[in-house]
Amino acid sequence: MQRLAFLGMGIDSVRGLFYTPQQKWDSVQSRITAALRTRRVKIRALASIAGKVMSLRLALGKAAFMFTREMYFVMIEAAARWDAYISLPDEFVSVLELWASTGAEGFTSGMWAVVQ
């Protein structure tokens, strides 16, 4: 078996890569698109997006941490108000637009360390 899904993560054993299954990527993109459409979201929805992205960190690599960093700062400030709404800052919008326009195939991560 060359490609399989295990615990929600795609594994390509021939190429030695983790990848994001299309169904999971579509779920992330639909949440991002909904946030971009209104530009005003609940903190809970922002946490959901950040959590979905972090669940893909094996395939996304460091990009997952870079993408969610600012989100976590906003969520920490508003932690007592999970159902409060915030307007998305411009820097969030540009990052969300980038992720909304990117396909799942753009993110893979090696399973094994490269030995020189």
C-alpha atoms as a PDB file:
ATOM      1  CA  MET A   1       0.000   0.000   0.000  1.00  0.00           C
ATOM      2  CA  GLN A   2       1.485   3.317  -1.041  1.00  0.00           C
ATOM      3  CA  ARG A   3      -0.963   5.939   0.189  1.00  0.00           C
ATOM      4  CA  LEU A   4      -3.213   5.609   3.195  1.00  0.00           C
ATOM      5  CA  ALA A   5      -4.971   7.726   5.770  1.00  0.00           C
ATOM      6  CA  PHE A   6      -4.250   7.117   9.425  1.00  0.00           C
ATOM      7  CA  LEU A   7      -5.738   9.179  12.257  1.00  0.00           C
ATOM      8  CA  GLY A   8      -6.841  11.795   9.741  1.00  0.00           C
ATOM      9  CA  MET A   9      -3.399  12.256   8.217  1.00  0.00           C
ATOM     10  CA  GLY A  10      -2.358  11.111   4.766  1.00  0.00           C
ATOM     11  CA  ILE A  11       0.765   8.976   4.499  1.00  0.00           C
ATOM     12  CA  ASP A  12       2.643   8.263   1.278  1.00  0.00           C
ATOM     13  CA  SER A  13       4.994   5.414   2.184  1.00  0.00           C
ATOM     14  CA  VAL A  14       6.743   5.322  -1.192  1.00  0.00           C
ATOM     15  CA  ARG A  15       7.748   8.997  -1.227  1.00  0.00           C
ATOM     16  CA  GLY A  16       8.067   9.161   2.566  1.00  0.00           C
ATOM     17  CA  LEU A  17       5.635  12.060   2.982  1.00  0.00           C
ATOM     18  CA  PHE A  18       2.796  13.146   5.195  1.00  0.00           C
ATOM     19  CA  TYR A  19       0.052  14.933   3.276  1.00  0.00           C
ATOM     20  CA  THR A  20      -3.325  16.489   3.960  1.00  0.00           C
ATOM     21  CA  PRO A  21      -6.272  14.402   2.732  1.00  0.00           C
ATOM     22  CA  GLN A  22      -8.506  16.441   0.425  1.00  0.00           C
ATOM     23  CA  GLN A  23     -11.599  16.044   2.623  1.00  0.00           C
ATOM     24  CA  LYS A  24      -9.768  17.497   5.621  1.00  0.00           C
ATOM     25  CA  TRP A  25      -8.355  20.348   3.563  1.00  0.00           C
ATOM     26  CA  ASP A  26     -11.830  21.163   2.224  1.00  0.00           C
ATOM     27  CA  SER A  27     -13.096  21.393   5.807  1.00  0.00           C
ATOM     28  CA  VAL A  28     -10.366  23.899   6.724  1.00  0.00           C
ATOM     29  CA  GLN A  29     -10.966  25.935   3.585  1.00  0.00           C
ATOM     30  CA  SER A  30     -14.732  26.104   4.121  1.00  0.00           C
ATOM     31  CA  ARG A  31     -14.213  27.563   7.609  1.00  0.00           C
ATOM     32  CA  ILE A  32     -11.678  30.056   6.288  1.00  0.00           C
ATOM     33  CA  THR A  33     -13.982  31.073   3.433  1.00  0.00           C
ATOM     34  CA  ALA A  34     -16.863  31.613   5.870  1.00  0.00           C
ATOM     35  CA  ALA A  35     -14.649  33.843   8.034  1.00  0.00           C
ATOM     36  CA  LEU A  36     -13.507  35.842   5.003  1.00  0.00           C
ATOM     37  CA  ARG A  37     -17.066  36.292   3.780  1.00  0.00           C
ATOM     38  CA  THR A  38     -18.178  38.071   6.946  1.00  0.00           C
ATOM     39  CA  ARG A  39     -14.815  39.420   8.187  1.00  0.00           C
ATOM     40  CA  ARG A  40     -16.395  39.330  11.621  1.00  0.00           C
ATOM     41  CA  VAL A  41     -16.156  36.034  13.483  1.00  0.00           C
ATOM     42  CA  LYS A  42     -16.650  34.544  16.912  1.00  0.00           C
ATOM     43  CA  ILE A  43     -13.507  33.788  18.872  1.00  0.00           C
ATOM     44  CA  ARG A  44     -14.789  30.199  18.964  1.00  0.00           C
ATOM     45  CA  ALA A  45     -14.759  30.068  15.122  1.00  0.00           C
ATOM     46  CA  LEU A  46     -11.214  31.431  15.064  1.00  0.00           C
ATOM     47  CA  ALA A  47     -10.197  28.735  17.559  1.00  0.00           C
ATOM     48  CA  SER A  48     -11.804  26.129  15.318  1.00  0.00           C
ATOM     49  CA  ILE A  49      -9.763  27.284  12.312  1.00  0.00           C
ATOM     50  CA  ALA A  50      -6.548  27.329  14.348  1.00  0.00           C
ATOM     51  CA  GLY A  51      -7.276  23.868  15.738  1.00  0.00           C
ATOM     52  CA  LYS A  52      -7.982  22.405  12.307  1.00  0.00           C
ATOM     53  CA  VAL A  53      -4.743  23.858  10.933  1.00  0.00           C
ATOM     54  CA  MET A  54      -2.736  22.544  13.890  1.00  0.00           C
ATOM     55  CA  SER A  55      -4.253  19.092  13.404  1.00  0.00           C
ATOM     56  CA  LEU A  56      -2.531  19.094  10.003  1.00  0.00           C
ATOM     57  CA  ARG A  57       0.881  20.138  11.325  1.00  0.00           C
ATOM     58  CA  LEU A  58       2.579  16.889  10.249  1.00  0.00           C
ATOM     59  CA  ALA A  59       1.870  17.791   6.625  1.00  0.00           C
ATOM     60  CA  LEU A  60       1.996  21.578   6.959  1.00  0.00           C
ATOM     61  CA  GLY A  61       5.193  21.700   8.981  1.00  0.00           C
ATOM     62  CA  LYS A  62       6.277  25.062  10.397  1.00  0.00           C
ATOM     63  CA  ALA A  63       3.651  26.832   8.301  1.00  0.00           C
ATOM     64  CA  ALA A  64       0.982  25.592  10.727  1.00  0.00           C
ATOM     65  CA  PHE A  65       2.691  27.322  13.640  1.00  0.00           C
ATOM     66  CA  MET A  66       3.347  30.517  11.680  1.00  0.00           C
ATOM     67  CA  PHE A  67      -0.250  30.670  10.483  1.00  0.00           C
ATOM     68  CA  THR A  68      -1.845  30.206  13.883  1.00  0.00           C
ATOM     69  CA  ARG A  69       0.498  32.300  16.030  1.00  0.00           C
ATOM     70  CA  GLU A  70      -1.401  35.590  15.740  1.00  0.00           C
ATOM     71  CA  MET A  71      -4.705  33.775  16.103  1.00  0.00           C
ATOM     72  CA  TYR A  72      -3.627  32.375  19.444  1.00  0.00           C
ATOM     73  CA  PHE A  73      -2.609  35.848  20.672  1.00  0.00           C
ATOM     74  CA  VAL A  74      -6.076  37.174  19.841  1.00  0.00           C
ATOM     75  CA  MET A  75      -7.749  34.174  21.471  1.00  0.00           C
ATOM     76  CA  ILE A  76      -5.685  34.538  24.652  1.00  0.00           C
ATOM     77  CA  GLU A  77      -6.767  38.172  24.980  1.00  0.00           C
ATOM     78  CA  ALA A  78     -10.431  37.228  24.578  1.00  0.00           C
ATOM     79  CA  ALA A  79     -10.403  33.821  26.288  1.00  0.00           C
ATOM     80  CA  ALA A  80     -13.175  34.716  28.715  1.00  0.00           C
ATOM     81  CA  ARG A  81     -15.499  35.591  25.836  1.00  0.00           C
ATOM     82  CA  TRP A  82     -15.577  32.610  23.472  1.00  0.00           C
ATOM     83  CA  ASP A  83     -18.845  33.751  21.923  1.00  0.00           C
ATOM     84  CA  ALA A  84     -17.672  37.347  21.425  1.00  0.00           C
ATOM     85  CA  TYR A  85     -17.237  38.601  17.867  1.00  0.00           C
ATOM     86  CA  ILE A  86     -14.099  40.226  16.514  1.00  0.00           C
ATOM     87  CA  SER A  87     -13.452  41.980  13.238  1.00  0.00           C
ATOM     88  CA  LEU A  88     -10.609  40.297  11.418  1.00  0.00           C
ATOM     89  CA  PRO A  89      -7.504  42.505  11.324  1.00  0.00           C
ATOM     90  CA  ASP A  90      -6.079  43.166   7.849  1.00  0.00           C
ATOM     91  CA  GLU A  91      -3.062  40.951   8.518  1.00  0.00           C
ATOM     92  CA  PHE A  92      -5.407  38.045   9.331  1.00  0.00           C
ATOM     93  CA  VAL A  93      -7.390  38.646   6.165  1.00  0.00           C
ATOM     94  CA  SER A  94      -4.310  38.480   3.937  1.00  0.00           C
ATOM     95  CA  VAL A  95      -3.096  35.260   5.589  1.00  0.00           C
ATOM     96  CA  LEU A  96      -6.569  33.694   5.432  1.00  0.00           C
ATOM     97  CA  GLU A  97      -6.857  34.630   1.743  1.00  0.00           C
ATOM     98  CA  LEU A  98      -3.528  32.944   1.063  1.00  0.00           C
ATOM     99  CA  TRP A  99      -4.650  29.741   2.792  1.00  0.00           C
ATOM    100  CA  ALA A 100      -8.061  29.827   1.107  1.00  0.00           C
ATOM    101  CA  SER A 101      -6.396  29.964  -2.311  1.00  0.00           C
ATOM    102  CA  THR A 102      -3.875  27.180  -1.644  1.00  0.00           C
ATOM    103  CA  GLY A 103      -4.562  23.571  -2.507  1.00  0.00           C
ATOM    104  CA  ALA A 104      -3.846  20.655  -0.201  1.00  0.00           C
ATOM    105  CA  GLU A 105      -1.229  19.281  -2.586  1.00  0.00           C
ATOM    106  CA  GLY A 106       1.000  22.274  -1.814  1.00  0.00           C
ATOM    107  CA  PHE A 107       1.708  21.011   1.680  1.00  0.00           C
ATOM    108  CA  THR A 108       3.661  17.860   2.326  1.00  0.00           C
ATOM    109  CA  SER A 109       6.296  17.085   4.897  1.00  0.00           C
ATOM    110  CA  GLY A 110       8.984  14.414   4.961  1.00  0.00           C
ATOM    111  CA  MET A 111       8.606  11.452   7.279  1.00  0.00           C
ATOM    112  CA  TRP A 112      12.292  10.711   7.689  1.00  0.00           C
ATOM    113  CA  ALA A 113      15.285  12.909   8.304  1.00  0.00           C
ATOM    114  CA  VAL A 114      17.491  13.389   5.274  1.00  0.00           C
ATOM    115  CA  VAL A 115      20.905  11.839   5.855  1.00  0.00           C
ATOM    116  CA  GLN A 116      23.761  13.560   4.062  1.00  0.00           C
END
